[in-house]
Every structure is written in C-alpha cells, then in structure tokens.
Amino acid sequence: MTFTSPAKPRLIQLIKELAVVHGRVTLSSGIEADYYVDLRRATLHHEAAPLIGQVMLDLLEQNGITDFDAIGGLTMGADPVATAVLHQAANRNKSIDAFVVRKQAKAHGMGRQVEGPEVKGRRVVVVEDTSTTGGSPLTAAKALEEAGAIIVAVATVVDRDTGAQKVIEDAGYKYLTAVTLDDLELR
C-alpha cells in the first residue's frame, strides 16, 4: 500500500531543504554514511513540525492505527514528533496524549523512565524521527511495556533503510514509516 497525505509533498521538500546534510558522517549507530538526515532541523521548524503531525496521523490512519491513547518515544528525537502529533490530533478533535521515555529512570523524584500522562493499560504508538538500527524505538518499547503500556505500532518519520524495520518487526511490532530514502531522492 502506497502511503499518501496531502501534507507529504511539502514535508518532503522541507526535509530536503532543511535536514539533509551531504558529507561523510558517522551516525549514532556507528554506521558511516555520505549524508545525514538531521531531522531536528525539521521537527523543530515552524512550518515542518505541523506537517509532521499531519503526515504521521495520516500514516497511522491509513494503516488502521486509529485506536490509541498516547504517542511518544525515546527522548530526544521522538519528543517533537509526538508533540506535533498531539497538536494535530487536537485539530482533528482527537484526544491523544504525548509521553517522553528517558534512556534510564531518574534516580530522584518519582524515579520514572516514562514521563507525562500515565501509560499503564493504555494503547500507545512509539515514534522516532529517523530510524537507522531500530535501537531507540526498541529501548522505548521495553520501558513502555515495563510501565504497563500496550504498544500498537512503531512509526518513524524517516527510515534510512539500514535494517530498523526488520529489527522492529522481528521484535513483534508493526513498523510504519512516512518518508523513505526514495522520497528524499537519496538512493
């Protein structure tokens, strides 16, 4: 199934303009690449952020993911994506909360690893800005399951096509991506 969204063409244009950096880089996964997709340049941009919320909601809806209560992922890449979805959901009269998953639980205060509204017993979507190996969404998924959440999908804005989908699906999660390397003309 080909994913479409009225907001997707403009989002792709903005990601190309704002977030694709050409040149040799080492990614957080340790993989070397000839380009870097610094998606925070888009997820934190005044025009691109609302489009990300729209596109991610459209992606989820077109894949039958409509019954969920909250969205979020591992801080920091997932935070603006989840917030964008929260705001766009409100524009569509949908009540979707956002949450933040810390890399590890706080050693003080309430000692929580998942911050925001309670996720126990709630259906959630794990998001990530850019996926390379799938490690960040899986770290978030583990913490969420330990907190009692029910994960209905993992969705990423941009997939680098370097194995994240297989790793996440092998772990038993439905995996969706909004923007591909072909969309960004990086292949």
Protein backbone atom coordinates (compact mmCIF):
# COMPACT_ATOMS: atom_id res chain seq x y z
CA MET A 1 0.00 0.00 0.00
CA THR A 2 1.37 3.39 -1.00
CA PHE A 3 1.11 5.95 1.72
CA THR A 4 -0.28 9.35 0.74
CA SER A 5 -1.01 12.52 2.62
CA PRO A 6 -1.88 16.00 1.34
CA ALA A 7 0.91 17.33 3.58
CA LYS A 8 3.58 14.84 2.47
CA PRO A 9 4.93 16.58 -0.68
CA ARG A 10 5.61 19.85 1.18
CA LEU A 11 7.10 17.95 4.12
CA ILE A 12 9.47 16.09 1.80
CA GLN A 13 10.52 19.38 0.21
CA LEU A 14 11.21 20.90 3.64
CA ILE A 15 13.15 17.86 4.85
CA LYS A 16 15.32 18.05 1.73
CA GLU A 17 15.91 21.78 2.22
CA LEU A 18 16.35 21.84 5.99
CA ALA A 19 17.51 18.46 7.21
CA VAL A 20 19.52 16.58 4.59
CA VAL A 21 23.22 17.35 5.06
CA HIS A 22 25.62 15.90 2.50
CA GLY A 23 29.13 14.80 3.51
CA ARG A 24 30.77 11.86 5.30
CA VAL A 25 29.32 11.32 8.79
CA THR A 26 29.29 8.64 11.48
CA LEU A 27 25.78 8.00 12.75
CA SER A 28 24.94 7.32 16.41
CA SER A 29 24.69 3.65 15.45
CA GLY A 30 28.36 3.72 14.38
CA ILE A 31 27.41 3.30 10.72
CA GLU A 32 29.17 5.67 8.29
CA ALA A 33 27.14 7.46 5.64
CA ASP A 34 27.57 10.05 2.86
CA TYR A 35 24.69 12.12 4.18
CA TYR A 36 22.98 12.87 7.44
CA VAL A 37 19.29 13.49 7.97
CA ASP A 38 19.28 15.94 10.89
CA LEU A 39 15.53 15.75 11.30
CA ARG A 40 15.51 18.06 14.34
CA ARG A 41 16.03 20.83 11.76
CA ALA A 42 12.55 19.90 10.51
CA THR A 43 10.80 18.63 13.65
CA LEU A 44 11.56 21.93 15.38
CA HIS A 45 10.77 24.14 12.36
CA HIS A 46 7.67 26.36 12.38
CA GLU A 47 6.28 25.03 9.09
CA ALA A 48 7.61 21.47 9.04
CA ALA A 49 6.53 20.47 12.56
CA PRO A 50 2.78 20.82 11.94
CA LEU A 51 3.21 18.94 8.65
CA ILE A 52 4.97 16.12 10.51
CA GLY A 53 1.99 15.86 12.84
CA GLN A 54 -0.42 15.71 9.91
CA VAL A 55 1.65 13.19 7.95
CA MET A 56 2.16 10.90 10.93
CA LEU A 57 -1.56 10.92 11.76
CA ASP A 58 -2.38 10.18 8.11
CA LEU A 59 0.20 7.35 8.09
CA LEU A 60 -1.30 5.78 11.19
CA GLU A 61 -4.89 6.17 9.98
CA GLN A 62 -4.16 4.69 6.54
CA ASN A 63 -2.59 1.68 8.24
CA GLY A 64 -5.57 1.11 10.53
CA ILE A 65 -3.92 2.53 13.66
CA THR A 66 -6.74 4.72 14.95
CA ASP A 67 -7.38 3.28 18.40
CA PHE A 68 -4.54 4.59 20.57
CA ASP A 69 -4.33 6.90 23.56
CA ALA A 70 -0.80 8.29 23.56
CA ILE A 71 2.29 8.71 21.42
CA GLY A 72 5.97 9.23 22.16
CA GLY A 73 9.36 7.62 22.26
CA LEU A 74 12.92 7.87 23.40
CA THR A 75 13.97 11.41 24.18
CA MET A 76 15.07 13.49 22.29
CA GLY A 77 14.34 12.59 18.69
CA ALA A 78 10.80 11.44 19.39
CA ASP A 79 9.76 14.38 21.58
CA PRO A 80 8.93 16.97 18.88
CA VAL A 81 7.34 14.28 16.69
CA ALA A 82 4.99 13.24 19.50
CA THR A 83 4.17 16.85 20.30
CA ALA A 84 3.40 17.58 16.63
CA VAL A 85 1.02 14.61 16.53
CA LEU A 86 -0.64 15.67 19.81
CA HIS A 87 -1.39 19.14 18.40
CA GLN A 88 -2.60 17.91 15.02
CA ALA A 89 -4.79 15.29 16.70
CA ALA A 90 -6.41 18.08 18.73
CA ASN A 91 -7.10 19.91 15.44
CA ARG A 92 -8.96 16.76 14.32
CA ASN A 93 -10.91 16.60 17.60
CA LYS A 94 -8.95 13.54 18.78
CA SER A 95 -7.58 13.18 22.30
CA ILE A 96 -4.06 11.81 22.05
CA ASP A 97 -1.55 12.41 24.83
CA ALA A 98 2.21 12.54 24.41
CA PHE A 99 4.89 10.98 26.61
CA VAL A 100 8.67 11.02 26.85
CA VAL A 101 10.82 7.96 27.52
CA ARG A 102 14.13 8.62 29.27
CA LYS A 103 17.14 6.45 28.43
CA GLN A 104 17.02 5.34 32.06
CA ALA A 105 14.81 6.02 35.05
CA LYS A 106 15.53 9.10 37.11
CA ALA A 107 17.47 8.45 40.31
CA HIS A 108 15.42 11.09 42.16
CA GLY A 109 11.87 12.37 42.38
CA MET A 110 9.40 9.70 41.29
CA GLY A 111 12.13 7.66 39.60
CA ARG A 112 10.16 7.38 36.38
CA GLN A 113 11.53 6.40 32.99
CA VAL A 114 8.31 7.27 31.16
CA GLU A 115 7.24 10.88 31.76
CA GLY A 116 3.90 12.51 31.06
CA PRO A 117 0.38 11.17 31.48
CA GLU A 118 0.16 7.61 32.84
CA VAL A 119 0.60 4.92 30.17
CA LYS A 120 -0.32 1.82 32.20
CA GLY A 121 -3.09 -0.06 30.42
CA ARG A 122 -3.16 2.47 27.56
CA ARG A 123 -2.64 1.80 23.86
CA VAL A 124 0.42 3.69 22.62
CA VAL A 125 2.39 4.36 19.45
CA VAL A 126 6.18 4.60 19.67
CA VAL A 127 7.65 7.23 17.35
CA GLU A 128 11.13 8.17 16.23
CA ASP A 129 12.35 10.96 13.98
CA THR A 130 14.91 8.97 11.96
CA SER A 131 15.50 5.22 12.25
CA THR A 132 18.79 3.54 11.43
CA THR A 133 19.11 0.38 13.55
CA GLY A 134 15.81 0.45 15.44
CA GLY A 135 17.59 0.62 18.79
CA SER A 136 15.89 3.76 20.08
CA PRO A 137 12.31 2.64 19.42
CA LEU A 138 13.06 -0.77 20.95
CA THR A 139 14.54 0.85 24.07
CA ALA A 140 11.39 2.96 24.35
CA ALA A 141 9.13 -0.06 23.74
CA LYS A 142 10.80 -2.04 26.52
CA ALA A 143 10.39 0.81 29.02
CA LEU A 144 6.77 1.29 27.97
CA GLU A 145 5.92 -2.37 28.37
CA GLU A 146 7.57 -2.35 31.82
CA ALA A 147 5.32 0.65 32.62
CA GLY A 148 2.27 -1.37 31.54
CA ALA A 149 1.59 0.21 28.12
CA ILE A 150 0.19 -1.71 25.16
CA ILE A 151 2.22 -0.92 22.03
CA VAL A 152 0.13 -0.88 18.86
CA ALA A 153 2.82 0.30 16.41
CA VAL A 154 6.23 1.85 15.92
CA ALA A 155 6.26 4.73 13.43
CA THR A 156 9.15 6.78 12.16
CA VAL A 157 9.21 9.97 10.11
CA VAL A 158 12.27 9.00 8.01
CA ASP A 159 13.65 5.48 7.65
CA ARG A 160 17.27 5.20 6.47
CA ASP A 161 16.59 1.66 5.16
CA THR A 162 19.51 0.23 7.14
CA GLY A 163 17.72 -2.56 9.00
CA ALA A 164 15.46 -0.84 11.54
CA GLN A 165 12.27 -2.22 10.03
CA LYS A 166 13.43 -5.85 10.23
CA VAL A 167 14.73 -5.48 13.79
CA ILE A 168 11.50 -3.86 14.98
CA GLU A 169 9.24 -6.33 13.17
CA ASP A 170 11.34 -9.26 14.42
CA ALA A 171 10.71 -7.94 17.94
CA GLY A 172 6.98 -8.31 17.23
CA TYR A 173 5.93 -4.73 16.49
CA LYS A 174 4.10 -3.28 13.50
CA TYR A 175 6.50 -0.84 11.78
CA LEU A 176 5.49 2.16 9.69
CA THR A 177 7.48 4.92 8.03
CA ALA A 178 6.23 8.15 6.50
CA VAL A 179 9.19 9.24 4.36
CA THR A 180 11.64 6.96 2.53
CA LEU A 181 15.05 7.50 1.00
CA ASP A 182 13.36 7.31 -2.41
CA ASP A 183 11.06 10.16 -1.36
CA LEU A 184 14.14 12.21 -0.43
CA GLU A 185 15.99 11.16 -3.62
CA LEU A 186 18.86 9.78 -1.54
CA ARG A 187 19.06 6.49 -3.43
